[in-house]
């Protein structure tokens, strides 16, 4: 069973994914696992380069990605053996992520967190894609508590990170981030809380597994 979980910033999606993976005994494919896989792959892209394309707070904006996509040489980041006729960097990153995700999915049941996994793994027949949302006020409050920052700073961080995720998703998939048509299930975290949401997802995944 392959599960992809995306979500709005501050919605509790990461905690839900961690809890669901723990309940089900699935591998959680989060940022660190993906970066470790890149380090041990045969690609010529260093982990630092892959991190530059991460969808998290410090990632490149759509404008920065567009600028990089046309660069074929003299890049300021560590890319080796980049010839003039090499594919643009954004397309190479998409190919690498696609292969990497399918390789990880082929090793057993797992939960992918973010990184357009719902798009890259859409051809997997045993995939369920989830998008986690929550009320803006609750999301801001979570970020305030997590980082111990004031409300204006938390609200700004939520807006900024949502925009980066939206840009990242649109850039690599051509789709709209958060569009309900892209997912099998949209879940509001505050409806059941983190533990209740993880338990509900666990029941759904187990029911789905019985139909395969």
N, C-alpha and C. Protein backbone atom coordinates (compact mmCIF):
# COMPACT_ATOMS: atom_id res chain seq x y z
N UNK A 1 0.84 -1.19 0.00
CA UNK A 1 0.00 0.00 0.00
C UNK A 1 0.89 1.25 0.00
N UNK A 2 0.59 2.17 -0.88
CA UNK A 2 1.34 3.42 -0.98
C UNK A 2 0.40 4.57 -0.60
N UNK A 3 0.83 5.38 0.34
CA UNK A 3 0.03 6.50 0.82
C UNK A 3 0.81 7.79 0.62
N UNK A 4 0.18 8.79 0.05
CA UNK A 4 0.81 10.09 -0.08
C UNK A 4 0.00 11.09 0.75
N UNK A 5 0.71 11.90 1.51
CA UNK A 5 0.06 12.89 2.36
C UNK A 5 0.68 14.26 2.10
N UNK A 6 -0.16 15.18 1.67
CA UNK A 6 0.24 16.57 1.52
C UNK A 6 -0.64 17.41 2.42
N UNK A 7 -0.36 18.70 2.49
CA UNK A 7 -1.23 19.52 3.33
C UNK A 7 -0.77 20.95 3.47
N UNK A 8 -1.65 21.74 4.01
CA UNK A 8 -1.36 23.13 4.28
C UNK A 8 -0.34 23.23 5.42
N UNK A 9 0.42 24.31 5.42
CA UNK A 9 1.43 24.47 6.46
C UNK A 9 0.75 24.72 7.81
N UNK A 10 1.21 23.99 8.83
CA UNK A 10 0.64 24.15 10.15
C UNK A 10 -0.62 23.35 10.37
N UNK A 11 -0.96 22.46 9.44
CA UNK A 11 -2.21 21.69 9.56
C UNK A 11 -2.04 20.42 10.38
N UNK A 12 -0.81 20.09 10.76
CA UNK A 12 -0.58 18.86 11.50
C UNK A 12 -0.33 17.65 10.64
N UNK A 13 -0.13 17.87 9.34
CA UNK A 13 0.05 16.76 8.41
C UNK A 13 1.24 15.88 8.72
N UNK A 14 2.35 16.49 9.11
CA UNK A 14 3.55 15.70 9.41
C UNK A 14 3.32 14.80 10.61
N UNK A 15 2.69 15.33 11.64
CA UNK A 15 2.43 14.54 12.83
C UNK A 15 1.44 13.41 12.53
N UNK A 16 0.46 13.71 11.70
CA UNK A 16 -0.51 12.67 11.31
C UNK A 16 0.20 11.56 10.53
N UNK A 17 1.08 11.96 9.60
CA UNK A 17 1.82 10.97 8.81
C UNK A 17 2.70 10.11 9.70
N UNK A 18 3.38 10.73 10.65
CA UNK A 18 4.25 9.98 11.57
C UNK A 18 3.43 9.00 12.41
N UNK A 19 2.29 9.47 12.90
CA UNK A 19 1.46 8.62 13.75
C UNK A 19 0.85 7.47 12.94
N UNK A 20 0.39 7.77 11.73
CA UNK A 20 -0.19 6.73 10.88
C UNK A 20 0.86 5.67 10.52
N UNK A 21 2.08 6.13 10.22
CA UNK A 21 3.16 5.19 9.89
C UNK A 21 3.47 4.29 11.08
N UNK A 22 3.43 4.88 12.28
CA UNK A 22 3.69 4.11 13.50
C UNK A 22 2.58 3.08 13.74
N UNK A 23 1.34 3.49 13.55
CA UNK A 23 0.21 2.59 13.78
C UNK A 23 0.20 1.41 12.81
N UNK A 24 0.55 1.70 11.55
CA UNK A 24 0.47 0.69 10.50
C UNK A 24 1.76 -0.10 10.31
N UNK A 25 2.86 0.42 10.88
CA UNK A 25 4.15 -0.22 10.66
C UNK A 25 4.71 0.05 9.27
N UNK A 26 4.31 1.17 8.68
CA UNK A 26 4.78 1.55 7.35
C UNK A 26 6.05 2.41 7.46
N UNK A 27 6.83 2.44 6.41
CA UNK A 27 7.99 3.33 6.33
C UNK A 27 7.52 4.73 6.01
N UNK A 28 8.01 5.72 6.74
CA UNK A 28 7.68 7.11 6.47
C UNK A 28 8.76 7.72 5.59
N UNK A 29 8.39 8.09 4.38
CA UNK A 29 9.34 8.70 3.44
C UNK A 29 9.26 10.22 3.58
N UNK A 30 10.00 10.73 4.55
CA UNK A 30 10.02 12.16 4.78
C UNK A 30 11.25 12.78 4.15
N UNK A 31 11.50 14.06 4.42
CA UNK A 31 12.62 14.76 3.81
C UNK A 31 13.95 14.04 4.03
N UNK A 32 14.22 13.62 5.27
CA UNK A 32 15.51 13.04 5.58
C UNK A 32 15.72 11.73 4.84
N UNK A 33 14.68 10.89 4.78
CA UNK A 33 14.82 9.61 4.09
C UNK A 33 15.07 9.84 2.59
N UNK A 34 14.35 10.80 2.01
CA UNK A 34 14.53 11.08 0.58
C UNK A 34 15.92 11.62 0.31
N UNK A 35 16.40 12.52 1.16
CA UNK A 35 17.74 13.08 0.96
C UNK A 35 18.81 12.01 1.13
N UNK A 36 18.61 11.11 2.08
CA UNK A 36 19.56 10.01 2.26
C UNK A 36 19.57 9.12 1.03
N UNK A 37 18.40 8.89 0.43
CA UNK A 37 18.32 8.05 -0.77
C UNK A 37 19.06 8.71 -1.93
N UNK A 38 18.95 10.06 -2.02
CA UNK A 38 19.67 10.78 -3.07
C UNK A 38 21.17 10.63 -2.88
N UNK A 39 21.63 10.73 -1.64
CA UNK A 39 23.06 10.63 -1.35
C UNK A 39 23.63 9.29 -1.80
N UNK A 40 22.82 8.23 -1.68
CA UNK A 40 23.29 6.90 -2.02
C UNK A 40 22.91 6.47 -3.43
N UNK A 41 22.30 7.37 -4.18
CA UNK A 41 21.95 7.05 -5.55
C UNK A 41 23.13 7.34 -6.47
N UNK A 42 22.98 6.97 -7.76
CA UNK A 42 24.05 7.18 -8.72
C UNK A 42 23.92 8.50 -9.46
N UNK A 43 22.97 9.34 -9.02
CA UNK A 43 22.81 10.63 -9.68
C UNK A 43 23.98 11.54 -9.35
N UNK A 44 24.23 12.52 -10.23
CA UNK A 44 25.34 13.45 -10.00
C UNK A 44 24.87 14.68 -9.22
N UNK A 45 23.66 14.66 -8.72
CA UNK A 45 23.17 15.78 -7.93
C UNK A 45 23.46 15.52 -6.46
N UNK A 46 24.13 16.46 -5.82
CA UNK A 46 24.41 16.33 -4.41
C UNK A 46 23.15 16.58 -3.59
N UNK A 47 23.14 16.11 -2.35
CA UNK A 47 21.97 16.28 -1.48
C UNK A 47 21.64 17.74 -1.27
N UNK A 48 22.68 18.60 -1.22
CA UNK A 48 22.45 20.02 -1.03
C UNK A 48 21.67 20.61 -2.19
N UNK A 49 21.93 20.11 -3.40
CA UNK A 49 21.19 20.58 -4.57
C UNK A 49 19.74 20.13 -4.48
N UNK A 50 19.55 18.87 -4.08
CA UNK A 50 18.20 18.37 -3.95
C UNK A 50 17.43 19.16 -2.89
N UNK A 51 18.10 19.50 -1.81
CA UNK A 51 17.46 20.27 -0.75
C UNK A 51 17.02 21.64 -1.27
N UNK A 52 17.77 22.19 -2.25
CA UNK A 52 17.41 23.49 -2.80
C UNK A 52 16.04 23.44 -3.45
N UNK A 53 15.68 22.26 -3.93
CA UNK A 53 14.38 22.09 -4.58
C UNK A 53 13.32 21.59 -3.61
N UNK A 54 13.65 21.55 -2.33
CA UNK A 54 12.68 21.10 -1.34
C UNK A 54 11.52 22.09 -1.28
N UNK A 55 10.34 21.57 -0.93
CA UNK A 55 9.14 22.40 -0.91
C UNK A 55 8.97 23.13 0.42
N UNK A 56 9.90 22.95 1.34
CA UNK A 56 9.73 23.53 2.66
C UNK A 56 10.05 25.02 2.68
N UNK A 57 10.12 25.57 3.85
CA UNK A 57 10.24 27.01 4.03
C UNK A 57 11.41 27.62 3.26
N UNK A 58 12.55 26.95 3.22
CA UNK A 58 13.72 27.55 2.62
C UNK A 58 13.92 27.23 1.15
N UNK A 59 12.93 26.68 0.49
CA UNK A 59 13.11 26.26 -0.89
C UNK A 59 13.03 27.41 -1.86
N UNK A 60 13.36 27.11 -3.10
CA UNK A 60 13.31 28.14 -4.13
C UNK A 60 11.88 28.48 -4.50
N UNK A 61 11.68 29.73 -4.87
CA UNK A 61 10.37 30.15 -5.35
C UNK A 61 10.19 29.71 -6.79
N UNK A 62 9.00 29.86 -7.31
CA UNK A 62 8.74 29.49 -8.70
C UNK A 62 9.61 30.31 -9.64
N UNK A 63 9.80 31.58 -9.32
CA UNK A 63 10.62 32.45 -10.17
C UNK A 63 12.07 31.96 -10.18
N UNK A 64 12.58 31.58 -8.99
CA UNK A 64 13.95 31.08 -8.92
C UNK A 64 14.09 29.76 -9.67
N UNK A 65 13.10 28.90 -9.56
CA UNK A 65 13.13 27.63 -10.28
C UNK A 65 13.12 27.86 -11.78
N UNK A 66 12.32 28.83 -12.23
CA UNK A 66 12.26 29.12 -13.65
C UNK A 66 13.59 29.61 -14.17
N UNK A 67 14.27 30.41 -13.36
CA UNK A 67 15.59 30.91 -13.75
C UNK A 67 16.58 29.75 -13.85
N UNK A 68 16.50 28.82 -12.89
CA UNK A 68 17.41 27.69 -12.90
C UNK A 68 17.14 26.74 -14.05
N UNK A 69 15.87 26.66 -14.46
CA UNK A 69 15.51 25.68 -15.48
C UNK A 69 16.19 25.95 -16.81
N UNK A 70 16.59 27.19 -17.06
CA UNK A 70 17.24 27.52 -18.32
C UNK A 70 18.75 27.52 -18.22
N UNK A 71 19.26 27.31 -17.01
CA UNK A 71 20.71 27.34 -16.83
C UNK A 71 21.31 25.98 -17.19
N UNK A 72 22.27 26.00 -18.09
CA UNK A 72 22.89 24.76 -18.53
C UNK A 72 24.35 24.64 -18.09
N UNK A 73 24.92 25.69 -17.61
CA UNK A 73 26.32 25.65 -17.20
C UNK A 73 26.57 26.77 -16.21
N UNK A 74 27.74 26.68 -15.55
CA UNK A 74 28.18 27.72 -14.62
C UNK A 74 27.18 27.92 -13.48
N UNK A 75 26.56 26.85 -13.03
CA UNK A 75 25.62 26.97 -11.91
C UNK A 75 26.40 27.21 -10.63
N UNK A 76 25.80 27.98 -9.72
CA UNK A 76 26.48 28.29 -8.48
C UNK A 76 26.29 27.19 -7.45
N UNK A 77 25.50 26.14 -7.79
CA UNK A 77 25.33 25.03 -6.88
C UNK A 77 26.06 23.81 -7.44
N UNK A 78 26.28 22.83 -6.57
CA UNK A 78 27.16 21.73 -6.93
C UNK A 78 26.50 20.72 -7.85
N UNK A 79 26.64 20.92 -9.14
CA UNK A 79 26.18 19.97 -10.13
C UNK A 79 27.39 19.62 -10.98
N UNK A 80 27.71 18.36 -11.07
CA UNK A 80 28.91 17.95 -11.79
C UNK A 80 28.57 17.39 -13.15
N UNK A 81 29.50 17.52 -14.07
CA UNK A 81 29.37 16.96 -15.42
C UNK A 81 28.10 17.42 -16.13
N UNK A 82 27.80 18.67 -16.03
CA UNK A 82 26.59 19.19 -16.67
C UNK A 82 26.96 19.72 -18.05
N UNK A 83 26.61 18.96 -19.08
CA UNK A 83 26.97 19.34 -20.44
C UNK A 83 25.93 20.29 -21.02
N UNK A 84 26.28 20.90 -22.16
CA UNK A 84 25.39 21.86 -22.79
C UNK A 84 24.09 21.22 -23.22
N UNK A 85 24.15 19.95 -23.62
CA UNK A 85 22.95 19.30 -24.13
C UNK A 85 22.18 18.55 -23.03
N UNK A 86 22.54 18.78 -21.77
CA UNK A 86 21.84 18.13 -20.68
C UNK A 86 20.46 18.74 -20.51
N UNK A 87 19.52 17.92 -20.05
CA UNK A 87 18.19 18.43 -19.79
C UNK A 87 18.24 19.57 -18.79
N UNK A 88 17.31 20.52 -18.89
CA UNK A 88 17.24 21.59 -17.89
C UNK A 88 17.13 20.99 -16.50
N UNK A 89 17.66 21.71 -15.52
CA UNK A 89 17.77 21.18 -14.18
C UNK A 89 16.41 20.82 -13.58
N UNK A 90 15.39 21.60 -13.87
CA UNK A 90 14.09 21.31 -13.29
C UNK A 90 13.54 19.98 -13.81
N UNK A 91 13.76 19.69 -15.09
CA UNK A 91 13.29 18.43 -15.66
C UNK A 91 14.10 17.26 -15.13
N UNK A 92 15.37 17.46 -14.91
CA UNK A 92 16.21 16.41 -14.34
C UNK A 92 15.77 16.10 -12.91
N UNK A 93 15.45 17.17 -12.15
CA UNK A 93 14.99 16.96 -10.79
C UNK A 93 13.68 16.18 -10.78
N UNK A 94 12.78 16.50 -11.71
CA UNK A 94 11.50 15.79 -11.78
C UNK A 94 11.73 14.32 -12.10
N UNK A 95 12.62 14.03 -13.03
CA UNK A 95 12.92 12.65 -13.38
C UNK A 95 13.52 11.89 -12.20
N UNK A 96 14.43 12.55 -11.49
CA UNK A 96 15.09 11.92 -10.35
C UNK A 96 14.07 11.62 -9.25
N UNK A 97 13.22 12.61 -8.94
CA UNK A 97 12.22 12.39 -7.90
C UNK A 97 11.26 11.27 -8.29
N UNK A 98 10.85 11.25 -9.55
CA UNK A 98 9.93 10.21 -10.02
C UNK A 98 10.54 8.82 -9.85
N UNK A 99 11.78 8.66 -10.28
CA UNK A 99 12.45 7.36 -10.15
C UNK A 99 12.66 6.99 -8.69
N UNK A 100 13.09 7.97 -7.92
CA UNK A 100 13.36 7.73 -6.51
C UNK A 100 12.11 7.28 -5.77
N UNK A 101 11.00 7.95 -6.03
CA UNK A 101 9.76 7.60 -5.35
C UNK A 101 9.29 6.20 -5.74
N UNK A 102 9.41 5.86 -7.01
CA UNK A 102 9.00 4.52 -7.44
C UNK A 102 9.92 3.45 -6.85
N UNK A 103 11.21 3.76 -6.73
CA UNK A 103 12.13 2.81 -6.11
C UNK A 103 11.76 2.57 -4.65
N UNK A 104 11.47 3.65 -3.93
CA UNK A 104 11.09 3.52 -2.52
C UNK A 104 9.76 2.79 -2.38
N UNK A 105 8.82 3.11 -3.27
CA UNK A 105 7.51 2.46 -3.22
C UNK A 105 7.62 0.96 -3.49
N UNK A 106 8.61 0.59 -4.30
CA UNK A 106 8.79 -0.80 -4.64
C UNK A 106 9.35 -1.65 -3.51
N UNK A 107 9.79 -1.00 -2.44
CA UNK A 107 10.39 -1.73 -1.32
C UNK A 107 9.37 -2.15 -0.28
N UNK A 108 8.13 -1.69 -0.40
CA UNK A 108 7.12 -2.09 0.56
C UNK A 108 6.17 -0.97 0.90
N UNK A 109 5.26 -1.23 1.80
CA UNK A 109 4.26 -0.25 2.17
C UNK A 109 4.91 0.97 2.81
N UNK A 110 4.50 2.15 2.37
CA UNK A 110 5.12 3.36 2.88
C UNK A 110 4.19 4.56 2.75
N UNK A 111 4.52 5.59 3.51
CA UNK A 111 3.80 6.85 3.48
C UNK A 111 4.75 7.93 3.01
N UNK A 112 4.38 8.61 1.92
CA UNK A 112 5.18 9.71 1.39
C UNK A 112 4.61 11.03 1.89
N UNK A 113 5.48 11.87 2.41
CA UNK A 113 5.05 13.16 2.94
C UNK A 113 5.47 14.27 1.99
N UNK A 114 4.49 14.92 1.37
CA UNK A 114 4.76 16.06 0.50
C UNK A 114 5.50 15.69 -0.78
N UNK A 115 6.26 16.67 -1.31
CA UNK A 115 7.14 16.49 -2.48
C UNK A 115 6.40 16.04 -3.74
N UNK A 116 5.14 16.41 -3.92
CA UNK A 116 4.38 16.07 -5.13
C UNK A 116 4.25 14.56 -5.31
N UNK A 117 4.36 13.81 -4.24
CA UNK A 117 4.33 12.35 -4.35
C UNK A 117 3.03 11.85 -4.96
N UNK A 118 1.92 12.53 -4.68
CA UNK A 118 0.65 12.11 -5.26
C UNK A 118 0.69 12.14 -6.78
N UNK A 119 1.46 13.08 -7.33
CA UNK A 119 1.60 13.20 -8.79
C UNK A 119 2.54 12.14 -9.34
N UNK A 120 3.72 12.02 -8.74
CA UNK A 120 4.71 11.09 -9.25
C UNK A 120 4.24 9.63 -9.15
N UNK A 121 3.42 9.32 -8.14
CA UNK A 121 3.00 7.94 -7.91
C UNK A 121 1.57 7.69 -8.34
N UNK A 122 1.04 8.55 -9.20
CA UNK A 122 -0.36 8.42 -9.59
C UNK A 122 -0.65 7.15 -10.40
N UNK A 123 0.41 6.54 -10.93
CA UNK A 123 0.21 5.31 -11.70
C UNK A 123 0.21 4.06 -10.83
N UNK A 124 0.43 4.21 -9.54
CA UNK A 124 0.45 3.05 -8.64
C UNK A 124 -0.99 2.65 -8.30
N UNK A 125 -1.41 1.43 -8.60
CA UNK A 125 -2.80 1.02 -8.36
C UNK A 125 -3.16 0.94 -6.88
N UNK A 126 -2.17 0.77 -6.01
CA UNK A 126 -2.44 0.63 -4.58
C UNK A 126 -2.15 1.92 -3.82
N UNK A 127 -2.26 3.06 -4.50
CA UNK A 127 -1.96 4.35 -3.88
C UNK A 127 -3.23 5.03 -3.40
N UNK A 128 -3.14 5.65 -2.23
CA UNK A 128 -4.19 6.53 -1.72
C UNK A 128 -3.55 7.88 -1.45
N UNK A 129 -4.15 8.94 -1.95
CA UNK A 129 -3.59 10.27 -1.75
C UNK A 129 -4.47 11.09 -0.82
N UNK A 130 -3.84 11.70 0.17
CA UNK A 130 -4.53 12.45 1.20
C UNK A 130 -4.03 13.89 1.21
N UNK A 131 -4.94 14.84 1.46
CA UNK A 131 -4.54 16.23 1.64
C UNK A 131 -5.14 16.70 2.96
N UNK A 132 -4.28 17.22 3.84
CA UNK A 132 -4.70 17.65 5.17
C UNK A 132 -4.87 19.17 5.18
N UNK A 133 -5.98 19.61 5.74
CA UNK A 133 -6.24 21.04 5.87
C UNK A 133 -6.60 21.35 7.32
N UNK A 134 -6.73 22.62 7.63
CA UNK A 134 -7.25 23.04 8.92
C UNK A 134 -7.59 24.52 8.87
N UNK A 135 -8.32 24.98 9.86
CA UNK A 135 -8.71 26.39 9.90
C UNK A 135 -7.47 27.26 10.02
N UNK A 136 -7.43 28.40 9.32
CA UNK A 136 -6.27 29.29 9.36
C UNK A 136 -5.87 29.70 10.78
N UNK A 137 -6.83 29.99 11.61
CA UNK A 137 -6.53 30.40 12.99
C UNK A 137 -5.81 29.28 13.74
N UNK A 138 -6.27 28.06 13.56
CA UNK A 138 -5.66 26.92 14.24
C UNK A 138 -4.25 26.68 13.70
N UNK A 139 -4.08 26.81 12.40
CA UNK A 139 -2.75 26.61 11.82
C UNK A 139 -1.75 27.63 12.35
N UNK A 140 -2.17 28.88 12.43
CA UNK A 140 -1.30 29.93 12.95
C UNK A 140 -0.95 29.64 14.40
N UNK A 141 -1.93 29.19 15.17
CA UNK A 141 -1.69 28.89 16.58
C UNK A 141 -0.67 27.76 16.74
N UNK A 142 -0.78 26.73 15.87
CA UNK A 142 0.18 25.62 15.94
C UNK A 142 1.60 26.11 15.67
N UNK A 143 1.73 26.97 14.66
CA UNK A 143 3.06 27.49 14.31
C UNK A 143 3.60 28.37 15.43
N UNK A 144 2.73 29.16 16.05
CA UNK A 144 3.15 29.99 17.19
C UNK A 144 3.71 29.12 18.31
N UNK A 145 3.00 28.05 18.63
CA UNK A 145 3.42 27.17 19.73
C UNK A 145 4.68 26.40 19.38
N UNK A 146 4.77 25.96 18.13
CA UNK A 146 5.93 25.15 17.72
C UNK A 146 7.22 25.96 17.72
N UNK A 147 7.16 27.18 17.20
CA UNK A 147 8.37 27.99 17.08
C UNK A 147 8.50 29.05 18.18
N UNK A 148 7.49 29.12 19.05
CA UNK A 148 7.49 30.12 20.11
C UNK A 148 7.67 31.53 19.54
N UNK A 149 6.80 31.87 18.60
CA UNK A 149 6.84 33.18 17.96
C UNK A 149 5.49 33.85 18.11
N UNK A 150 5.43 35.17 17.81
CA UNK A 150 4.18 35.89 17.97
C UNK A 150 3.25 35.63 16.79
N UNK A 151 2.00 36.07 16.94
CA UNK A 151 0.98 35.78 15.94
C UNK A 151 1.28 36.36 14.56
N UNK A 152 1.70 37.65 14.46
CA UNK A 152 2.01 38.19 13.12
C UNK A 152 3.11 37.40 12.41
N UNK A 153 4.14 37.00 13.16
CA UNK A 153 5.24 36.24 12.54
C UNK A 153 4.77 34.87 12.08
N UNK A 154 3.93 34.24 12.89
CA UNK A 154 3.41 32.92 12.53
C UNK A 154 2.50 33.00 11.32
N UNK A 155 1.65 34.01 11.29
CA UNK A 155 0.73 34.17 10.15
C UNK A 155 1.51 34.41 8.87
N UNK A 156 2.57 35.21 8.95
CA UNK A 156 3.40 35.48 7.78
C UNK A 156 4.08 34.21 7.30
N UNK A 157 4.57 33.40 8.25
CA UNK A 157 5.24 32.15 7.89
C UNK A 157 4.27 31.18 7.23
N UNK A 158 3.05 31.12 7.72
CA UNK A 158 2.04 30.25 7.12
C UNK A 158 1.75 30.67 5.68
N UNK A 159 1.55 31.97 5.47
CA UNK A 159 1.27 32.46 4.11
C UNK A 159 2.44 32.20 3.18
N UNK A 160 3.64 32.48 3.65
CA UNK A 160 4.84 32.31 2.82
C UNK A 160 5.06 30.85 2.44
N UNK A 161 4.91 29.97 3.42
CA UNK A 161 5.17 28.55 3.16
C UNK A 161 4.09 27.94 2.28
N UNK A 162 2.84 28.33 2.49
CA UNK A 162 1.77 27.86 1.60
C UNK A 162 2.04 28.27 0.16
N UNK A 163 2.51 29.50 -0.02
CA UNK A 163 2.80 29.99 -1.37
C UNK A 163 3.93 29.18 -2.00
N UNK A 164 4.96 28.89 -1.23
CA UNK A 164 6.07 28.11 -1.76
C UNK A 164 5.62 26.69 -2.14
N UNK A 165 4.81 26.11 -1.31
CA UNK A 165 4.30 24.78 -1.63
C UNK A 165 3.42 24.82 -2.87
N UNK A 166 2.60 25.84 -2.98
CA UNK A 166 1.73 26.00 -4.15
C UNK A 166 2.56 26.15 -5.42
N UNK A 167 3.60 27.00 -5.35
CA UNK A 167 4.47 27.24 -6.50
C UNK A 167 5.25 25.98 -6.88
N UNK A 168 5.78 25.32 -5.87
CA UNK A 168 6.56 24.09 -6.09
C UNK A 168 5.70 23.03 -6.79
N UNK A 169 4.48 22.83 -6.29
CA UNK A 169 3.58 21.82 -6.84
C UNK A 169 3.20 22.16 -8.27
N UNK A 170 2.86 23.42 -8.50
CA UNK A 170 2.47 23.84 -9.85
C UNK A 170 3.64 23.71 -10.83
N UNK A 171 4.83 24.04 -10.37
CA UNK A 171 6.00 24.02 -11.24
C UNK A 171 6.32 22.61 -11.72
N UNK A 172 6.27 21.63 -10.81
CA UNK A 172 6.67 20.28 -11.16
C UNK A 172 5.53 19.41 -11.67
N UNK A 173 4.28 19.79 -11.44
CA UNK A 173 3.16 18.94 -11.84
C UNK A 173 2.23 19.58 -12.86
N UNK A 174 2.22 20.91 -12.93
CA UNK A 174 1.28 21.60 -13.81
C UNK A 174 -0.13 21.59 -13.26
N UNK A 175 -0.28 21.18 -12.01
CA UNK A 175 -1.58 21.10 -11.37
C UNK A 175 -1.69 22.15 -10.26
N UNK A 176 -2.88 22.24 -9.69
CA UNK A 176 -3.12 23.19 -8.61
C UNK A 176 -3.01 22.49 -7.26
N UNK A 177 -2.09 22.97 -6.44
CA UNK A 177 -1.90 22.42 -5.10
C UNK A 177 -3.16 22.61 -4.28
N UNK A 178 -3.61 21.55 -3.62
CA UNK A 178 -4.80 21.64 -2.79
C UNK A 178 -6.11 21.43 -3.53
N UNK A 179 -6.06 21.28 -4.85
CA UNK A 179 -7.27 21.02 -5.62
C UNK A 179 -7.82 19.65 -5.22
N UNK A 180 -9.05 19.60 -4.73
CA UNK A 180 -9.60 18.34 -4.22
C UNK A 180 -9.65 17.25 -5.29
N UNK A 181 -9.68 17.65 -6.56
CA UNK A 181 -9.70 16.65 -7.62
C UNK A 181 -8.42 15.86 -7.74
N UNK A 182 -7.34 16.33 -7.10
CA UNK A 182 -6.05 15.64 -7.16
C UNK A 182 -5.90 14.56 -6.09
N UNK A 183 -6.85 14.50 -5.16
CA UNK A 183 -6.68 13.64 -3.99
C UNK A 183 -7.89 12.71 -3.80
N UNK A 184 -7.66 11.62 -3.10
CA UNK A 184 -8.75 10.69 -2.79
C UNK A 184 -9.52 11.14 -1.56
N UNK A 185 -8.85 11.86 -0.68
CA UNK A 185 -9.47 12.27 0.57
C UNK A 185 -8.86 13.58 1.06
N UNK A 186 -9.74 14.51 1.47
CA UNK A 186 -9.30 15.75 2.11
C UNK A 186 -9.81 15.71 3.54
N UNK A 187 -8.90 15.90 4.50
CA UNK A 187 -9.24 15.74 5.91
C UNK A 187 -8.86 16.99 6.70
N UNK A 188 -9.81 17.49 7.50
CA UNK A 188 -9.55 18.62 8.38
C UNK A 188 -9.02 18.08 9.71
N UNK A 189 -7.79 18.45 10.05
CA UNK A 189 -7.13 17.87 11.22
C UNK A 189 -7.90 18.11 12.51
N UNK A 190 -8.44 19.31 12.70
CA UNK A 190 -9.10 19.65 13.96
C UNK A 190 -10.40 18.89 14.16
N UNK A 191 -10.91 18.23 13.14
CA UNK A 191 -12.14 17.45 13.27
C UNK A 191 -11.97 16.32 14.27
N UNK A 192 -10.84 15.61 14.16
CA UNK A 192 -10.58 14.47 15.04
C UNK A 192 -9.29 14.60 15.82
N UNK A 193 -8.50 15.64 15.53
CA UNK A 193 -7.20 15.77 16.17
C UNK A 193 -6.17 14.89 15.47
N UNK A 194 -4.91 15.03 15.87
CA UNK A 194 -3.83 14.27 15.23
C UNK A 194 -4.02 12.76 15.41
N UNK A 195 -4.22 12.33 16.64
CA UNK A 195 -4.35 10.90 16.90
C UNK A 195 -5.59 10.31 16.24
N UNK A 196 -6.71 11.02 16.36
CA UNK A 196 -7.95 10.53 15.75
C UNK A 196 -7.85 10.48 14.24
N UNK A 197 -7.19 11.50 13.64
CA UNK A 197 -7.02 11.52 12.19
C UNK A 197 -6.15 10.36 11.73
N UNK A 198 -5.07 10.11 12.47
CA UNK A 198 -4.17 9.00 12.12
C UNK A 198 -4.90 7.67 12.23
N UNK A 199 -5.72 7.51 13.26
CA UNK A 199 -6.47 6.26 13.43
C UNK A 199 -7.49 6.07 12.32
N UNK A 200 -8.16 7.17 11.94
CA UNK A 200 -9.13 7.09 10.84
C UNK A 200 -8.44 6.69 9.54
N UNK A 201 -7.31 7.32 9.25
CA UNK A 201 -6.57 6.98 8.04
C UNK A 201 -6.11 5.54 8.08
N UNK A 202 -5.67 5.09 9.24
CA UNK A 202 -5.25 3.70 9.38
C UNK A 202 -6.37 2.74 9.02
N UNK A 203 -7.58 3.02 9.48
CA UNK A 203 -8.73 2.17 9.18
C UNK A 203 -9.05 2.19 7.68
N UNK A 204 -8.95 3.39 7.08
CA UNK A 204 -9.21 3.51 5.64
C UNK A 204 -8.18 2.72 4.84
N UNK A 205 -6.92 2.85 5.23
CA UNK A 205 -5.85 2.15 4.50
C UNK A 205 -6.00 0.64 4.61
N UNK A 206 -6.36 0.18 5.80
CA UNK A 206 -6.53 -1.27 6.00
C UNK A 206 -7.72 -1.78 5.19
N UNK A 207 -8.80 -0.99 5.14
CA UNK A 207 -9.96 -1.39 4.35
C UNK A 207 -9.62 -1.44 2.87
N UNK A 208 -8.84 -0.47 2.41
CA UNK A 208 -8.42 -0.42 1.01
C UNK A 208 -7.54 -1.63 0.68
N UNK A 209 -6.65 -1.97 1.60
CA UNK A 209 -5.72 -3.09 1.36
C UNK A 209 -6.48 -4.39 1.15
N UNK A 210 -7.63 -4.54 1.79
CA UNK A 210 -8.41 -5.77 1.66
C UNK A 210 -9.07 -5.90 0.27
N UNK A 211 -9.16 -4.77 -0.46
CA UNK A 211 -9.78 -4.81 -1.79
C UNK A 211 -8.77 -5.08 -2.89
N UNK A 212 -7.49 -5.05 -2.56
CA UNK A 212 -6.45 -5.22 -3.59
C UNK A 212 -6.21 -6.70 -3.89
